[in-house]
Amino acid sequence: MLLKQYLDEKGVKMSWLSENAGISETSLWRKTRGLTGFSLAEAVRISEALKLSDEEIRAIFFTSEVN
């Protein structure tokens, strides 16, 4: 699962996540579209803001999709 998909399914707005994870909306937008990657610190802050389970963290940040 990608972060953008998770946010859409849960109805979480990018602006809320940006504010609560301390990542600019522009940066978050680029990251959720795969234009740039997440640093470990960003993944931790996002996980804490969204209160993700270990399973959700693995599904969002530690799986790679192959085209």
N, C-alpha and C. Protein backbone atom coordinates (compact mmCIF):
# COMPACT_ATOMS: atom_id res chain seq x y z
N MET A 1 0.86 -1.18 0.00
CA MET A 1 0.00 0.00 0.00
C MET A 1 0.90 1.24 0.00
N LEU A 2 0.53 2.18 -0.78
CA LEU A 2 1.25 3.45 -0.81
C LEU A 2 0.63 4.43 0.18
N LEU A 3 1.43 5.38 0.62
CA LEU A 3 0.93 6.36 1.59
C LEU A 3 -0.26 7.12 1.03
N LYS A 4 -0.20 7.54 -0.22
CA LYS A 4 -1.31 8.30 -0.81
C LYS A 4 -2.60 7.49 -0.76
N GLN A 5 -2.50 6.21 -1.09
CA GLN A 5 -3.67 5.33 -1.04
C GLN A 5 -4.22 5.26 0.39
N TYR A 6 -3.33 5.11 1.36
CA TYR A 6 -3.74 5.04 2.77
C TYR A 6 -4.47 6.34 3.17
N LEU A 7 -3.90 7.48 2.82
CA LEU A 7 -4.51 8.76 3.17
C LEU A 7 -5.89 8.89 2.55
N ASP A 8 -6.01 8.51 1.28
CA ASP A 8 -7.30 8.58 0.59
C ASP A 8 -8.33 7.68 1.25
N GLU A 9 -7.93 6.44 1.58
CA GLU A 9 -8.85 5.49 2.21
C GLU A 9 -9.32 5.96 3.59
N LYS A 10 -8.42 6.59 4.33
CA LYS A 10 -8.74 7.03 5.69
C LYS A 10 -9.33 8.44 5.74
N GLY A 11 -9.33 9.14 4.59
CA GLY A 11 -9.86 10.49 4.55
C GLY A 11 -8.97 11.52 5.23
N VAL A 12 -7.67 11.25 5.26
CA VAL A 12 -6.72 12.16 5.90
C VAL A 12 -6.23 13.16 4.86
N LYS A 13 -6.31 14.42 5.21
CA LYS A 13 -5.87 15.48 4.29
C LYS A 13 -4.36 15.68 4.39
N MET A 14 -3.77 15.98 3.24
CA MET A 14 -2.33 16.24 3.18
C MET A 14 -1.96 17.39 4.10
N SER A 15 -2.79 18.41 4.17
CA SER A 15 -2.48 19.57 5.01
C SER A 15 -2.39 19.16 6.48
N TRP A 16 -3.28 18.27 6.92
CA TRP A 16 -3.24 17.80 8.31
C TRP A 16 -1.95 17.02 8.56
N LEU A 17 -1.63 16.09 7.66
CA LEU A 17 -0.44 15.28 7.83
C LEU A 17 0.81 16.14 7.78
N SER A 18 0.84 17.08 6.88
CA SER A 18 1.98 17.98 6.76
C SER A 18 2.23 18.70 8.07
N GLU A 19 1.19 19.25 8.64
CA GLU A 19 1.31 20.00 9.89
C GLU A 19 1.72 19.09 11.05
N ASN A 20 1.12 17.92 11.13
CA ASN A 20 1.36 17.02 12.26
C ASN A 20 2.65 16.23 12.15
N ALA A 21 3.19 16.08 10.94
CA ALA A 21 4.44 15.35 10.77
C ALA A 21 5.62 16.30 10.57
N GLY A 22 5.34 17.59 10.45
CA GLY A 22 6.42 18.56 10.29
C GLY A 22 7.12 18.49 8.95
N ILE A 23 6.35 18.19 7.91
CA ILE A 23 6.89 18.10 6.54
C ILE A 23 6.07 19.07 5.69
N SER A 24 6.74 19.87 4.87
CA SER A 24 6.00 20.83 4.06
C SER A 24 5.03 20.10 3.13
N GLU A 25 3.92 20.75 2.79
CA GLU A 25 2.94 20.14 1.90
C GLU A 25 3.55 19.82 0.54
N THR A 26 4.40 20.71 0.05
CA THR A 26 5.04 20.48 -1.25
C THR A 26 5.91 19.23 -1.20
N SER A 27 6.71 19.11 -0.17
CA SER A 27 7.58 17.95 -0.02
C SER A 27 6.75 16.68 0.13
N LEU A 28 5.71 16.74 0.93
CA LEU A 28 4.85 15.58 1.14
C LEU A 28 4.16 15.19 -0.16
N TRP A 29 3.70 16.14 -0.92
CA TRP A 29 3.06 15.88 -2.21
C TRP A 29 4.02 15.13 -3.12
N ARG A 30 5.25 15.60 -3.22
CA ARG A 30 6.26 14.95 -4.07
C ARG A 30 6.57 13.53 -3.58
N LYS A 31 6.63 13.35 -2.30
CA LYS A 31 6.95 12.04 -1.74
C LYS A 31 5.81 11.05 -1.96
N THR A 32 4.57 11.48 -1.82
CA THR A 32 3.43 10.58 -1.99
C THR A 32 3.21 10.21 -3.45
N ARG A 33 3.83 10.92 -4.34
CA ARG A 33 3.73 10.60 -5.77
C ARG A 33 4.98 9.92 -6.31
N GLY A 34 5.89 9.60 -5.40
CA GLY A 34 7.07 8.85 -5.79
C GLY A 34 8.15 9.66 -6.48
N LEU A 35 8.06 10.98 -6.42
CA LEU A 35 9.07 11.82 -7.06
C LEU A 35 10.33 11.93 -6.22
N THR A 36 10.17 11.83 -4.92
CA THR A 36 11.30 11.80 -3.99
C THR A 36 11.00 10.74 -2.94
N GLY A 37 12.03 10.28 -2.26
CA GLY A 37 11.86 9.26 -1.24
C GLY A 37 11.67 9.84 0.15
N PHE A 38 11.32 8.96 1.08
CA PHE A 38 11.16 9.34 2.48
C PHE A 38 12.46 9.06 3.22
N SER A 39 12.87 9.98 4.07
CA SER A 39 13.98 9.68 4.97
C SER A 39 13.42 8.84 6.11
N LEU A 40 14.28 8.21 6.86
CA LEU A 40 13.85 7.42 8.01
C LEU A 40 13.12 8.32 9.01
N ALA A 41 13.66 9.51 9.26
CA ALA A 41 13.04 10.44 10.21
C ALA A 41 11.64 10.84 9.76
N GLU A 42 11.47 11.07 8.46
CA GLU A 42 10.14 11.43 7.94
C GLU A 42 9.17 10.27 8.10
N ALA A 43 9.63 9.06 7.80
CA ALA A 43 8.76 7.89 7.95
C ALA A 43 8.32 7.72 9.40
N VAL A 44 9.24 7.97 10.33
CA VAL A 44 8.90 7.87 11.76
C VAL A 44 7.87 8.93 12.13
N ARG A 45 8.09 10.18 11.71
CA ARG A 45 7.15 11.26 12.05
C ARG A 45 5.77 11.01 11.45
N ILE A 46 5.73 10.53 10.22
CA ILE A 46 4.45 10.22 9.57
C ILE A 46 3.76 9.08 10.31
N SER A 47 4.51 8.05 10.64
CA SER A 47 3.96 6.90 11.36
C SER A 47 3.38 7.31 12.71
N GLU A 48 4.09 8.18 13.41
CA GLU A 48 3.60 8.66 14.71
C GLU A 48 2.36 9.53 14.54
N ALA A 49 2.36 10.41 13.56
CA ALA A 49 1.21 11.31 13.35
C ALA A 49 -0.04 10.50 13.01
N LEU A 50 0.13 9.46 12.19
CA LEU A 50 -1.02 8.65 11.76
C LEU A 50 -1.32 7.50 12.72
N LYS A 51 -0.45 7.30 13.74
CA LYS A 51 -0.60 6.19 14.68
C LYS A 51 -0.69 4.86 13.93
N LEU A 52 0.26 4.64 13.01
CA LEU A 52 0.27 3.44 12.20
C LEU A 52 0.72 2.23 13.01
N SER A 53 0.13 1.09 12.70
CA SER A 53 0.57 -0.18 13.31
C SER A 53 1.86 -0.61 12.62
N ASP A 54 2.55 -1.58 13.23
CA ASP A 54 3.76 -2.11 12.61
C ASP A 54 3.46 -2.67 11.21
N GLU A 55 2.34 -3.33 11.08
CA GLU A 55 1.96 -3.91 9.78
C GLU A 55 1.73 -2.80 8.74
N GLU A 56 1.06 -1.72 9.15
CA GLU A 56 0.82 -0.61 8.22
C GLU A 56 2.14 0.07 7.83
N ILE A 57 3.04 0.21 8.79
CA ILE A 57 4.35 0.82 8.50
C ILE A 57 5.08 -0.01 7.45
N ARG A 58 5.10 -1.32 7.64
CA ARG A 58 5.77 -2.19 6.66
C ARG A 58 5.11 -2.08 5.29
N ALA A 59 3.78 -2.10 5.27
CA ALA A 59 3.06 -2.05 4.00
C ALA A 59 3.28 -0.73 3.25
N ILE A 60 3.39 0.36 3.99
CA ILE A 60 3.52 1.68 3.36
C ILE A 60 4.97 2.00 3.00
N PHE A 61 5.89 1.74 3.91
CA PHE A 61 7.27 2.21 3.72
C PHE A 61 8.27 1.15 3.30
N PHE A 62 7.95 -0.13 3.48
CA PHE A 62 8.96 -1.15 3.23
C PHE A 62 8.58 -2.19 2.20
N THR A 63 7.71 -1.83 1.29
CA THR A 63 7.43 -2.70 0.16
C THR A 63 7.75 -1.92 -1.11
N SER A 64 8.24 -2.60 -2.08
CA SER A 64 8.51 -1.93 -3.35
C SER A 64 7.56 -2.47 -4.40
N GLU A 65 7.08 -1.58 -5.23
CA GLU A 65 6.21 -1.97 -6.32
C GLU A 65 7.03 -2.05 -7.59
N VAL A 66 6.73 -3.05 -8.37
CA VAL A 66 7.43 -3.23 -9.63
C VAL A 66 6.45 -2.95 -10.75
N ASN A 67 6.86 -2.11 -11.66
CA ASN A 67 5.98 -1.80 -12.82
C ASN A 67 6.10 -2.87 -13.88
